Amino acid sequence: MGLSRNVFGVLERTALSHARDEIAFVYDGDARTFATVRERSLRVATGLQRAGIAPGDRVAVLLANGHEWTEAFFGLAALGAVCVPVNVLLQPAEIEHVCRDSGARCLVVDERSRDAVQALPSLPEIVVGVGDVRVDHDGTSIAYADLVAGPAPAVWPGGPELDDLASLYYSSGTTGLPKAAAHTHGGIIWNSYHQLHDLGLDRDVRYLVVPSLSWAAGFNNLTLALVMLGGRSVIMPTGGASPDKLTEAIEREGITHTFFVPTLLRRFLEEPALLERLRASSLRWLVSGSEPVPRAVIERLAAALPDCRIVQGYGLSEFPTIATLLRPEEAISHSGSAGRPLSITDLAIQQADGEIVRAGEGEILLRSLATMREYFDRPEETAAAFADGWLHTGDLGTVDADGFLTITGRKKDMIISGGLNIYPKEIEEVIYRLPGVLEAAVVGVPDDRWGETAVAVVVGTDLDTAAIADACKEQLASYKRPRAVLVRDEPLPRNPTGKVLKRELRPWAADRIASNSKTGEKIA
């Protein structure tokens, strides 16, 4: 299988082949064939072109999961416009930042985000409303139904090249305002192409798409790769990822593969009856990532689902979305690892002294044909990110002599106490093994003597902070032990992609420490 000329070409090759009548996407019981998706995507391209959108223009796509999202993505790819996925969980100020920062000329919005969009002080010049959505503004308003009402051309002329910009994926913004990872058509295709081999995909795969399609992993983990093959993706509604609904979908659709974020894995472990149903289902691959997966969670799931391959990996919005993978047969000998690099990933470590090595401890560096081209309109940050010819991920880890990567945390989350480095993940792994712990995060708080010290923030039921203190004392060096364990009643703060916002936890923990809260047990 050769590479397509652009991302739309991936769909077109399948839609014009013997797989044209095979089902590409299923959403809310509505199944669409590859031929249908191609035709409707070309209608989107034609309609936007008629409205004045040209190659290179940015189009913000603020849609919940559904057929309109995939049609918009492929339609923009055909036209050569740049897709700017916008998470529907964002607030008006965050949406405005994405639209303004990307310079979007057009915004596509559905009912879920209509009120948020209407609250924006300014809007792109063209707004496309899906369904009954109408947005009052000074520019051009178009109904999505009218956009796709015209005929689709039998042949789409021209189109973008592999080096042309295809999408802007905005980062999670865990440390500040999100910035856009700019991806070319070639980078997106390579990101999916390698999954065919590395994940052993074939046309019989039935993939359940759980994350929002606006996330980099939502559309670029397996989904686009299956379009290459003629496989099927079943799309869950945005916000519909409760364990019972997911189990029902897996059973109903004969799902073989899916992707669950770590928080969802933990929710399933609280539902033994649902795990038993999964055990009897068609599910054979369960992939997890987006943040380090607690070792205890993987071990419990593997025991509960012996016929399902529990696979964990490491990737990022800057791509590859799956850069490393720990295969089930490696899980015992390399427990806690994120696995080894996949076929298009070159992995290295930059040590504290600046030396770049293949094995060691420090910041994780990547090189790949799939990696982003740049941070959009941020030349200084782009230069810093690609210093020394490697993508500097900002993540910390260790690579052993056999090439296995273990994530130790974020560079900005690392705690330096008395000149010694403390990696929060190491402490969190200890805490997650204890009864009643649902969520745990370790942050650094100011300390007059040591500069900063570690504090554990825990969410759960019937928590025994003394037992947590004892476990840390038994398993961790003295300088790594949290100064306090703080029990939090509400869930940990997270960004729209589910990552813990430690920037919000730090002042919360510091205030609790300063006020001598009785909910925290001191650790000797």
Protein backbone atom coordinates (compact mmCIF):
# COMPACT_ATOMS: atom_id res chain seq x y z
CA MET A 1 0.00 0.00 0.00
CA GLY A 2 1.53 3.30 -1.11
CA LEU A 3 1.02 6.67 0.54
CA SER A 4 -1.82 8.88 -0.65
CA ARG A 5 -1.20 12.37 -1.97
CA ASN A 6 -3.11 13.92 0.95
CA VAL A 7 -5.41 12.95 3.81
CA PHE A 8 -8.53 13.08 1.61
CA GLY A 9 -6.77 10.67 -0.72
CA VAL A 10 -6.72 8.11 2.10
CA LEU A 11 -10.52 8.09 2.11
CA GLU A 12 -10.82 8.32 -1.67
CA ARG A 13 -8.62 5.30 -2.36
CA THR A 14 -10.78 3.15 -0.10
CA ALA A 15 -14.09 4.65 -1.31
CA LEU A 16 -13.24 3.96 -4.96
CA SER A 17 -12.05 0.41 -4.30
CA HIS A 18 -13.80 -2.87 -3.62
CA ALA A 19 -14.46 -1.56 -0.09
CA ARG A 20 -16.68 1.29 -1.32
CA ASP A 21 -19.82 -0.31 0.12
CA GLU A 22 -18.21 -1.35 3.39
CA ILE A 23 -19.20 0.55 6.52
CA ALA A 24 -16.69 3.21 7.48
CA PHE A 25 -18.34 4.91 10.46
CA VAL A 26 -21.28 4.17 12.73
CA TYR A 27 -22.76 6.87 14.95
CA ASP A 28 -25.94 6.57 16.99
CA GLY A 29 -27.07 3.59 14.93
CA ASP A 30 -26.50 5.38 11.60
CA ALA A 31 -23.97 3.49 9.46
CA ARG A 32 -22.19 5.27 6.59
CA THR A 33 -20.25 3.52 3.83
CA PHE A 34 -16.91 4.75 2.54
CA ALA A 35 -18.57 5.86 -0.70
CA THR A 36 -21.15 7.89 1.22
CA VAL A 37 -18.53 9.55 3.44
CA ARG A 38 -16.50 10.48 0.35
CA GLU A 39 -19.49 11.97 -1.43
CA ARG A 40 -20.64 14.02 1.56
CA SER A 41 -17.08 15.19 2.30
CA LEU A 42 -16.79 16.49 -1.25
CA ARG A 43 -20.07 18.33 -0.79
CA VAL A 44 -18.55 20.00 2.27
CA ALA A 45 -15.48 20.95 0.23
CA THR A 46 -17.62 22.33 -2.60
CA GLY A 47 -19.89 24.25 -0.23
CA LEU A 48 -17.01 25.85 1.65
CA GLN A 49 -15.28 26.73 -1.60
CA ARG A 50 -18.50 28.38 -2.76
CA ALA A 51 -18.58 30.35 0.51
CA GLY A 52 -15.10 31.71 -0.16
CA ILE A 53 -12.85 29.35 1.82
CA ALA A 54 -9.58 28.80 -0.02
CA PRO A 55 -6.61 26.44 0.38
CA GLY A 56 -4.59 27.38 3.45
CA ASP A 57 -7.52 29.05 5.24
CA ARG A 58 -8.06 27.85 8.80
CA VAL A 59 -11.48 26.48 9.73
CA ALA A 60 -12.33 25.91 13.40
CA VAL A 61 -14.41 22.75 13.87
CA LEU A 62 -16.33 22.96 17.15
CA LEU A 63 -18.41 19.81 16.89
CA ALA A 64 -19.34 17.00 19.22
CA ASN A 65 -18.65 13.50 17.92
CA GLY A 66 -20.75 12.56 14.92
CA HIS A 67 -20.77 12.13 11.16
CA GLU A 68 -20.47 15.88 10.58
CA TRP A 69 -17.04 15.86 12.22
CA THR A 70 -15.57 13.26 9.86
CA GLU A 71 -17.21 14.92 6.84
CA ALA A 72 -15.77 18.30 7.81
CA PHE A 73 -12.29 16.82 8.35
CA PHE A 74 -12.12 15.07 4.99
CA GLY A 75 -13.87 17.93 3.19
CA LEU A 76 -11.30 20.42 4.46
CA ALA A 77 -8.52 18.01 3.52
CA ALA A 78 -9.84 17.81 -0.05
CA LEU A 79 -10.11 21.59 -0.30
CA GLY A 80 -6.64 22.15 1.15
CA ALA A 81 -8.01 24.25 4.01
CA VAL A 82 -6.64 23.65 7.51
CA CYS A 83 -8.81 21.86 10.08
CA VAL A 84 -8.62 23.36 13.58
CA PRO A 85 -10.37 20.90 15.93
CA VAL A 86 -11.87 22.65 18.99
CA ASN A 87 -12.80 20.68 22.09
CA VAL A 88 -16.50 21.08 22.95
CA LEU A 89 -15.58 21.16 26.65
CA LEU A 90 -13.83 24.50 26.28
CA GLN A 91 -15.29 27.67 27.77
CA PRO A 92 -15.98 30.80 25.65
CA ALA A 93 -12.67 32.48 26.50
CA GLU A 94 -10.78 29.32 25.51
CA ILE A 95 -12.73 28.99 22.27
CA GLU A 96 -12.00 32.61 21.46
CA HIS A 97 -8.27 32.01 22.05
CA VAL A 98 -8.22 29.10 19.60
CA CYS A 99 -10.13 31.01 16.92
CA ARG A 100 -8.02 34.15 17.34
CA ASP A 101 -4.67 32.38 17.65
CA SER A 102 -5.29 30.21 14.58
CA GLY A 103 -6.70 33.09 12.52
CA ALA A 104 -9.74 30.99 11.65
CA ARG A 105 -11.86 32.45 8.82
CA CYS A 106 -14.68 30.01 9.44
CA LEU A 107 -16.24 28.27 12.43
CA VAL A 108 -18.40 25.13 12.23
CA VAL A 109 -20.56 24.68 15.35
CA ASP A 110 -23.39 22.44 16.53
CA GLU A 111 -26.09 22.64 19.17
CA ARG A 112 -23.83 21.61 22.03
CA SER A 113 -21.62 24.69 21.69
CA ARG A 114 -24.08 27.25 20.32
CA ASP A 115 -24.46 29.17 23.59
CA ALA A 116 -20.71 29.28 24.16
CA VAL A 117 -20.15 30.61 20.64
CA GLN A 118 -22.91 33.17 20.98
CA ALA A 119 -21.12 34.52 24.07
CA LEU A 120 -17.92 35.25 22.14
CA PRO A 121 -17.10 38.96 21.70
CA SER A 122 -16.06 38.30 18.10
CA LEU A 123 -16.49 35.49 15.62
CA PRO A 124 -14.81 34.35 12.40
CA GLU A 125 -16.33 35.90 9.30
CA ILE A 126 -18.15 32.70 8.30
CA VAL A 127 -20.15 30.57 10.74
CA VAL A 128 -21.61 27.22 9.69
CA GLY A 129 -24.38 25.93 11.96
CA VAL A 130 -25.17 22.22 12.16
CA GLY A 131 -28.80 21.24 12.62
CA ASP A 132 -30.98 24.09 13.86
CA VAL A 133 -28.04 26.20 15.05
CA ARG A 134 -28.14 29.85 14.03
CA VAL A 135 -25.56 32.28 15.41
CA ASP A 136 -26.14 36.03 15.31
CA HIS A 137 -23.08 37.91 14.07
CA ASP A 138 -22.00 40.47 11.50
CA GLY A 139 -20.54 37.98 9.05
CA THR A 140 -21.95 35.20 6.88
CA SER A 141 -24.11 32.47 8.41
CA ILE A 142 -24.60 29.19 6.58
CA ALA A 143 -26.66 26.14 7.51
CA TYR A 144 -24.67 22.92 7.28
CA ALA A 145 -27.60 21.31 5.46
CA ASP A 146 -27.32 24.00 2.76
CA LEU A 147 -23.55 23.56 2.64
CA VAL A 148 -23.90 19.91 1.65
CA ALA A 149 -27.03 20.31 -0.46
CA GLY A 150 -25.21 20.64 -3.77
CA PRO A 151 -24.01 17.74 -5.89
CA ALA A 152 -20.59 16.24 -5.28
CA PRO A 153 -18.18 16.33 -8.21
CA ALA A 154 -17.38 12.93 -9.67
CA VAL A 155 -13.70 13.82 -9.67
CA TRP A 156 -12.07 16.30 -7.29
CA PRO A 157 -9.38 18.26 -9.13
CA GLY A 158 -5.97 18.93 -7.61
CA GLY A 159 -5.77 19.09 -3.85
CA PRO A 160 -3.01 19.69 -1.33
CA GLU A 161 0.37 17.97 -1.28
CA LEU A 162 2.02 15.97 1.49
CA ASP A 163 4.01 18.98 2.74
CA ASP A 164 0.96 21.26 2.96
CA LEU A 165 -0.57 22.08 6.33
CA ALA A 166 -3.60 19.94 7.22
CA SER A 167 -4.51 20.54 10.86
CA LEU A 168 -3.75 22.51 13.99
CA TYR A 169 -4.13 20.49 17.19
CA TYR A 170 -4.08 22.70 20.25
CA SER A 171 -2.22 21.43 23.30
CA SER A 172 -3.95 20.68 26.56
CA GLY A 173 -2.77 23.87 28.20
CA THR A 174 -1.66 22.26 31.48
CA THR A 175 0.89 25.03 32.06
CA GLY A 176 -0.64 27.99 30.22
CA LEU A 177 -2.57 29.00 27.11
CA PRO A 178 -2.76 26.22 24.53
CA LYS A 179 -0.55 26.43 21.46
CA ALA A 180 -1.15 24.71 18.15
CA ALA A 181 0.86 21.76 16.89
CA ALA A 182 0.82 22.24 13.11
CA HIS A 183 0.61 18.99 11.14
CA THR A 184 1.08 18.39 7.44
CA HIS A 185 -0.87 15.90 5.35
CA GLY A 186 2.24 13.73 5.17
CA GLY A 187 2.76 13.77 8.92
CA ILE A 188 -0.84 12.76 9.59
CA ILE A 189 -0.67 9.95 7.05
CA TRP A 190 2.60 8.60 8.46
CA ASN A 191 1.12 8.75 11.96
CA SER A 192 -1.63 6.36 10.86
CA TYR A 193 0.24 4.31 8.26
CA HIS A 194 2.66 2.82 10.79
CA GLN A 195 -0.23 1.62 12.96
CA LEU A 196 -1.22 -0.92 10.32
CA HIS A 197 1.98 -2.87 10.97
CA ASP A 198 2.80 -1.89 14.54
CA LEU A 199 -0.67 -2.70 15.87
CA GLY A 200 -1.37 -5.60 13.51
CA LEU A 201 -4.59 -4.04 12.17
CA ASP A 202 -6.76 -5.63 9.48
CA ARG A 203 -10.16 -5.06 7.88
CA ASP A 204 -11.91 -7.17 10.49
CA VAL A 205 -11.11 -4.71 13.28
CA ARG A 206 -14.13 -3.02 14.85
CA TYR A 207 -12.87 0.01 16.73
CA LEU A 208 -14.86 1.90 19.34
CA VAL A 209 -13.93 5.59 19.26
CA VAL A 210 -14.37 6.84 22.83
CA PRO A 211 -12.44 10.15 23.04
CA SER A 212 -13.65 13.31 21.40
CA LEU A 213 -12.69 13.36 17.73
CA SER A 214 -11.28 16.83 18.40
CA TRP A 215 -8.49 15.25 20.47
CA ALA A 216 -5.40 14.24 18.54
CA ALA A 217 -5.86 10.67 19.78
CA GLY A 218 -9.58 10.68 19.01
CA PHE A 219 -9.16 10.63 15.25
CA ASN A 220 -5.51 9.68 14.82
CA ASN A 221 -5.38 6.56 16.99
CA LEU A 222 -6.58 3.68 14.76
CA THR A 223 -9.51 5.59 13.19
CA LEU A 224 -7.69 6.98 10.15
CA ALA A 225 -5.58 3.83 9.86
CA LEU A 226 -8.78 1.80 9.55
CA VAL A 227 -9.95 4.10 6.76
CA MET A 228 -6.82 3.02 4.89
CA LEU A 229 -7.78 -0.62 5.34
CA GLY A 230 -11.52 -0.42 4.93
CA GLY A 231 -12.15 -1.25 8.59
CA ARG A 232 -14.98 0.05 10.74
CA SER A 233 -15.03 2.69 13.48
CA VAL A 234 -17.99 3.05 15.81
CA ILE A 235 -18.12 6.55 17.26
CA MET A 236 -19.42 7.14 20.78
CA PRO A 237 -21.27 10.39 21.54
CA THR A 238 -19.18 13.06 23.23
CA GLY A 239 -19.73 12.69 26.97
CA GLY A 240 -21.33 9.28 26.54
CA ALA A 241 -18.41 7.29 27.90
CA SER A 242 -19.96 5.81 31.03
CA PRO A 243 -18.82 2.23 31.71
CA ASP A 244 -22.30 0.78 31.19
CA LYS A 245 -22.83 2.55 27.84
CA LEU A 246 -19.40 1.52 26.64
CA THR A 247 -20.05 -2.08 27.59
CA GLU A 248 -23.37 -2.04 25.74
CA ALA A 249 -21.70 -0.61 22.62
CA ILE A 250 -18.91 -3.19 22.72
CA GLU A 251 -21.45 -6.01 22.95
CA ARG A 252 -23.87 -4.57 20.35
CA GLU A 253 -21.28 -3.67 17.70
CA GLY A 254 -18.91 -6.60 18.11
CA ILE A 255 -16.06 -4.28 19.05
CA THR A 256 -12.57 -5.78 18.97
CA HIS A 257 -10.41 -2.72 19.80
CA THR A 258 -10.86 0.42 21.86
CA PHE A 259 -8.98 3.15 23.70
CA PHE A 260 -9.71 4.09 27.32
CA VAL A 261 -7.99 6.90 29.23
CA PRO A 262 -6.65 5.87 32.67
CA THR A 263 -9.52 7.53 34.58
CA LEU A 264 -11.96 5.36 32.65
CA LEU A 265 -9.95 2.23 33.37
CA ARG A 266 -10.24 2.95 37.08
CA ARG A 267 -14.01 3.38 36.79
CA PHE A 268 -14.32 -0.07 35.20
CA LEU A 269 -12.39 -1.60 38.09
CA GLU A 270 -15.20 -0.40 40.36
CA GLU A 271 -17.75 -2.35 38.28
CA PRO A 272 -17.03 -6.11 38.55
CA ALA A 273 -20.26 -7.01 36.75
CA LEU A 274 -19.29 -4.90 33.73
CA LEU A 275 -15.80 -6.38 33.70
CA GLU A 276 -17.36 -9.82 33.56
CA ARG A 277 -19.42 -8.77 30.53
CA LEU A 278 -16.29 -7.41 28.85
CA ARG A 279 -14.56 -10.68 29.60
CA ALA A 280 -17.25 -12.52 27.61
CA SER A 281 -17.34 -9.96 24.78
CA SER A 282 -15.51 -9.67 21.45
CA LEU A 283 -13.02 -7.14 22.90
CA ARG A 284 -9.45 -8.22 22.19
CA TRP A 285 -7.36 -5.02 22.42
CA LEU A 286 -7.65 -2.35 25.07
CA VAL A 287 -5.22 0.52 24.57
CA SER A 288 -4.60 3.22 27.17
CA GLY A 289 -2.51 6.34 27.35
CA SER A 290 -2.79 10.19 27.51
CA GLU A 291 -1.10 10.09 30.92
CA PRO A 292 0.95 7.47 32.79
CA VAL A 293 -1.21 4.49 33.70
CA PRO A 294 -0.78 3.34 37.31
CA ARG A 295 0.85 -0.06 37.38
CA ALA A 296 -1.74 -1.39 39.82
CA VAL A 297 -4.55 -0.55 37.38
CA ILE A 298 -2.92 -2.48 34.52
CA GLU A 299 -2.27 -5.50 36.72
CA ARG A 300 -5.87 -5.66 37.97
CA LEU A 301 -7.32 -5.27 34.47
CA ALA A 302 -5.06 -7.93 33.01
CA ALA A 303 -6.26 -10.33 35.69
CA ALA A 304 -9.92 -9.47 35.05
CA LEU A 305 -9.66 -9.69 31.23
CA PRO A 306 -7.28 -12.55 30.46
CA ASP A 307 -8.29 -12.82 26.78
CA CYS A 308 -7.94 -9.10 26.11
CA ARG A 309 -4.54 -7.59 25.30
CA ILE A 310 -4.06 -4.68 27.71
CA VAL A 311 -1.73 -2.35 25.84
CA GLN A 312 -0.32 0.92 27.09
CA GLY A 313 1.62 3.46 25.16
CA TYR A 314 3.03 6.94 25.05
CA GLY A 315 2.30 9.65 22.51
CA LEU A 316 1.50 13.32 22.21
CA SER A 317 -0.46 15.93 20.26
CA GLU A 318 2.77 16.90 18.53
CA PHE A 319 2.80 13.29 17.19
CA PRO A 320 3.26 10.43 16.97
CA THR A 321 0.05 9.84 18.91
CA ILE A 322 1.40 6.35 19.60
CA ALA A 323 5.18 6.72 19.80
CA THR A 324 5.95 3.78 22.08
CA LEU A 325 4.00 0.68 23.00
CA LEU A 326 4.25 -1.90 25.76
CA ARG A 327 2.93 -5.16 24.44
CA PRO A 328 1.14 -7.63 26.71
CA GLU A 329 3.93 -10.21 26.48
CA GLU A 330 6.34 -7.56 27.81
CA ALA A 331 4.13 -6.34 30.63
CA ILE A 332 5.42 -8.75 33.28
CA SER A 333 9.12 -8.28 32.63
CA HIS A 334 8.78 -4.50 32.19
CA SER A 335 5.92 -3.62 34.49
CA GLY A 336 5.32 0.13 34.65
CA SER A 337 7.01 0.82 31.32
CA ALA A 338 5.40 2.64 28.37
CA GLY A 339 7.16 0.21 26.04
CA ARG A 340 9.58 0.56 23.19
CA PRO A 341 9.56 2.88 20.16
CA LEU A 342 7.37 1.88 17.24
CA SER A 343 8.60 1.68 13.66
CA ILE A 344 8.54 5.42 12.86
CA THR A 345 9.80 6.63 16.23
CA ASP A 346 13.39 7.48 17.11
CA LEU A 347 13.76 7.83 20.88
CA ALA A 348 16.47 9.43 23.00
CA ILE A 349 16.99 11.05 26.39
CA GLN A 350 18.56 14.40 27.18
CA GLN A 351 20.28 14.18 30.55
CA ALA A 352 20.53 16.99 33.08
CA ASP A 353 23.99 17.92 31.75
CA GLY A 354 22.57 18.36 28.23
CA GLU A 355 24.06 15.19 26.76
CA ILE A 356 21.73 13.23 24.46
CA VAL A 357 21.91 9.47 25.02
CA ARG A 358 20.00 6.39 23.89
CA ALA A 359 19.65 5.02 27.42
CA GLY A 360 19.51 7.06 30.60
CA GLU A 361 17.36 9.44 32.61
CA GLY A 362 16.09 12.89 31.62
CA GLU A 363 13.80 14.61 29.10
CA ILE A 364 12.23 12.41 26.43
CA LEU A 365 13.24 13.32 22.86
CA LEU A 366 11.58 12.07 19.68
CA ARG A 367 12.23 12.13 15.95
CA SER A 368 9.67 10.88 13.45
CA LEU A 369 8.21 11.43 10.00
CA ALA A 370 4.91 11.98 11.82
CA THR A 371 6.11 14.77 14.11
CA MET A 372 4.50 18.21 13.80
CA ARG A 373 6.05 20.77 11.48
CA GLU A 374 5.99 23.58 14.03
CA TYR A 375 4.08 25.35 16.76
CA PHE A 376 1.82 27.51 14.62
CA ASP A 377 2.99 31.12 14.40
CA ARG A 378 5.46 30.62 17.28
CA PRO A 379 8.95 30.54 15.76
CA GLU A 380 10.82 30.90 19.07
CA GLU A 381 8.90 28.08 20.74
CA THR A 382 9.30 25.95 17.62
CA ALA A 383 13.07 26.50 17.65
CA ALA A 384 13.22 25.53 21.33
CA ALA A 385 11.07 22.46 20.77
CA PHE A 386 13.31 21.20 17.95
CA ALA A 387 16.66 22.12 19.49
CA ASP A 388 19.45 19.69 18.59
CA GLY A 389 17.31 18.23 15.83
CA TRP A 390 14.96 16.42 18.22
CA LEU A 391 11.44 17.17 19.42
CA HIS A 392 11.75 18.04 23.11
CA THR A 393 8.57 16.63 24.62
CA GLY A 394 8.76 18.24 28.07
CA ASP A 395 8.17 14.77 29.54
CA LEU A 396 10.65 13.06 31.79
CA GLY A 397 11.56 9.41 31.65
CA THR A 398 14.16 6.70 31.71
CA VAL A 399 15.19 4.40 28.87
CA ASP A 400 16.88 1.15 29.81
CA ALA A 401 19.49 -0.80 27.89
CA ASP A 402 16.79 -2.71 25.99
CA GLY A 403 15.06 0.48 24.83
CA PHE A 404 12.08 0.38 27.19
CA LEU A 405 10.76 3.80 28.19
CA THR A 406 9.36 4.53 31.65
CA ILE A 407 7.58 7.86 32.11
CA THR A 408 8.51 9.65 35.33
CA GLY A 409 6.48 12.83 34.88
CA ARG A 410 6.44 16.27 33.33
CA LYS A 411 9.58 18.38 33.33
CA LYS A 412 7.65 21.25 34.92
CA ASP A 413 6.10 18.92 37.51
CA MET A 414 9.41 17.60 38.82
CA ILE A 415 10.00 18.56 42.45
CA ILE A 416 13.49 19.66 43.54
CA SER A 417 13.84 19.31 47.29
CA GLY A 418 17.16 20.13 48.89
CA GLY A 419 18.82 19.79 45.48
CA LEU A 420 17.39 16.29 44.94
CA ASN A 421 14.98 15.42 42.12
CA ILE A 422 11.64 13.92 43.12
CA TYR A 423 9.42 12.43 40.41
CA PRO A 424 5.73 12.60 41.41
CA LYS A 425 4.79 9.50 39.43
CA GLU A 426 7.00 7.29 41.61
CA ILE A 427 5.10 8.38 44.73
CA GLU A 428 1.72 8.20 42.98
CA GLU A 429 2.39 4.57 42.01
CA VAL A 430 2.81 3.67 45.69
CA ILE A 431 -0.40 5.45 46.69
CA TYR A 432 -2.51 3.95 43.89
CA ARG A 433 -1.90 0.47 45.23
CA LEU A 434 -3.73 1.22 48.48
CA PRO A 435 -7.42 0.46 49.16
CA GLY A 436 -9.97 3.18 48.52
CA VAL A 437 -7.72 5.40 46.39
CA LEU A 438 -9.53 6.63 43.26
CA GLU A 439 -7.27 9.52 42.31
CA ALA A 440 -3.84 10.65 43.49
CA ALA A 441 -1.52 13.47 42.53
CA VAL A 442 1.74 14.61 44.08
CA VAL A 443 2.76 18.26 43.83
CA GLY A 444 5.56 20.42 45.17
CA VAL A 445 4.80 23.13 47.74
CA PRO A 446 7.20 25.82 49.03
CA ASP A 447 9.34 24.89 52.02
CA ASP A 448 11.60 27.28 53.96
CA ARG A 449 14.26 24.65 54.57
CA TRP A 450 14.25 22.49 51.43
CA GLY A 451 12.96 24.94 48.81
CA GLU A 452 9.97 22.71 48.10
CA THR A 453 8.65 19.39 49.35
CA ALA A 454 6.23 16.81 48.03
CA VAL A 455 2.59 16.76 49.13
CA ALA A 456 0.13 14.03 48.13
CA VAL A 457 -3.46 14.92 47.26
CA VAL A 458 -5.79 11.92 47.36
CA VAL A 459 -9.43 11.34 46.40
CA GLY A 460 -11.27 8.19 47.41
CA THR A 461 -13.48 6.36 49.86
CA ASP A 462 -12.67 5.36 53.46
CA LEU A 463 -9.12 6.57 53.04
CA ASP A 464 -6.57 5.77 55.71
CA THR A 465 -3.96 8.52 55.53
CA ALA A 466 -1.85 6.79 58.16
CA ALA A 467 -1.67 3.70 55.94
CA ILE A 468 -0.66 5.89 53.00
CA ALA A 469 2.06 7.45 55.14
CA ASP A 470 3.31 4.02 56.23
CA ALA A 471 3.39 2.72 52.65
CA CYS A 472 5.45 5.71 51.52
CA LYS A 473 7.79 5.28 54.47
CA GLU A 474 8.33 1.62 53.65
CA GLN A 475 8.82 2.00 49.91
CA LEU A 476 10.40 5.41 49.36
CA ALA A 477 13.62 7.12 50.35
CA SER A 478 13.16 9.68 53.10
CA TYR A 479 13.53 12.72 50.82
CA LYS A 480 10.79 11.38 48.50
CA ARG A 481 8.16 10.88 51.18
CA PRO A 482 5.30 13.39 51.03
CA ARG A 483 5.31 15.96 53.78
CA ALA A 484 1.55 15.50 54.07
CA VAL A 485 -1.32 13.52 52.62
CA LEU A 486 -4.30 15.75 51.89
CA VAL A 487 -7.71 14.21 51.35
CA ARG A 488 -9.76 16.09 48.79
CA ASP A 489 -13.55 15.77 48.64
CA GLU A 490 -14.00 16.85 45.02
CA PRO A 491 -12.30 15.22 42.00
CA LEU A 492 -8.86 16.38 40.95
CA PRO A 493 -8.97 19.33 38.54
CA ARG A 494 -8.42 18.24 34.96
CA ASN A 495 -8.17 19.91 31.59
CA PRO A 496 -10.59 19.05 28.75
CA THR A 497 -8.49 16.05 27.71
CA GLY A 498 -8.47 14.59 31.21
CA LYS A 499 -4.97 15.47 32.38
CA VAL A 500 -4.57 16.58 35.99
CA LEU A 501 -4.01 20.33 36.36
CA LYS A 502 -1.23 20.38 38.90
CA ARG A 503 -0.88 24.13 38.51
CA GLU A 504 -4.26 24.38 40.28
CA LEU A 505 -3.45 21.73 42.88
CA ARG A 506 -0.22 23.39 44.03
CA PRO A 507 -1.81 26.54 45.54
CA TRP A 508 -4.69 24.47 46.93
CA ALA A 509 -2.23 22.14 48.69
CA ALA A 510 -0.06 25.03 49.89
CA ASP A 511 -3.10 26.76 51.42
CA ARG A 512 -4.12 23.55 53.19
CA ILE A 513 -0.63 23.10 54.58
CA ALA A 514 -0.46 26.73 55.72
CA SER A 515 -3.78 26.47 57.54
CA ASN A 516 -2.75 23.23 59.30
CA SER A 517 -5.77 21.37 57.92
CA LYS A 518 -6.72 18.33 60.00
CA THR A 519 -7.51 16.33 56.85
CA GLY A 520 -3.80 15.86 56.21
CA GLU A 521 -1.62 13.45 58.18
CA LYS A 522 1.98 14.49 58.68
CA ILE A 523 4.57 12.02 57.47
CA ALA A 524 7.67 11.64 59.61
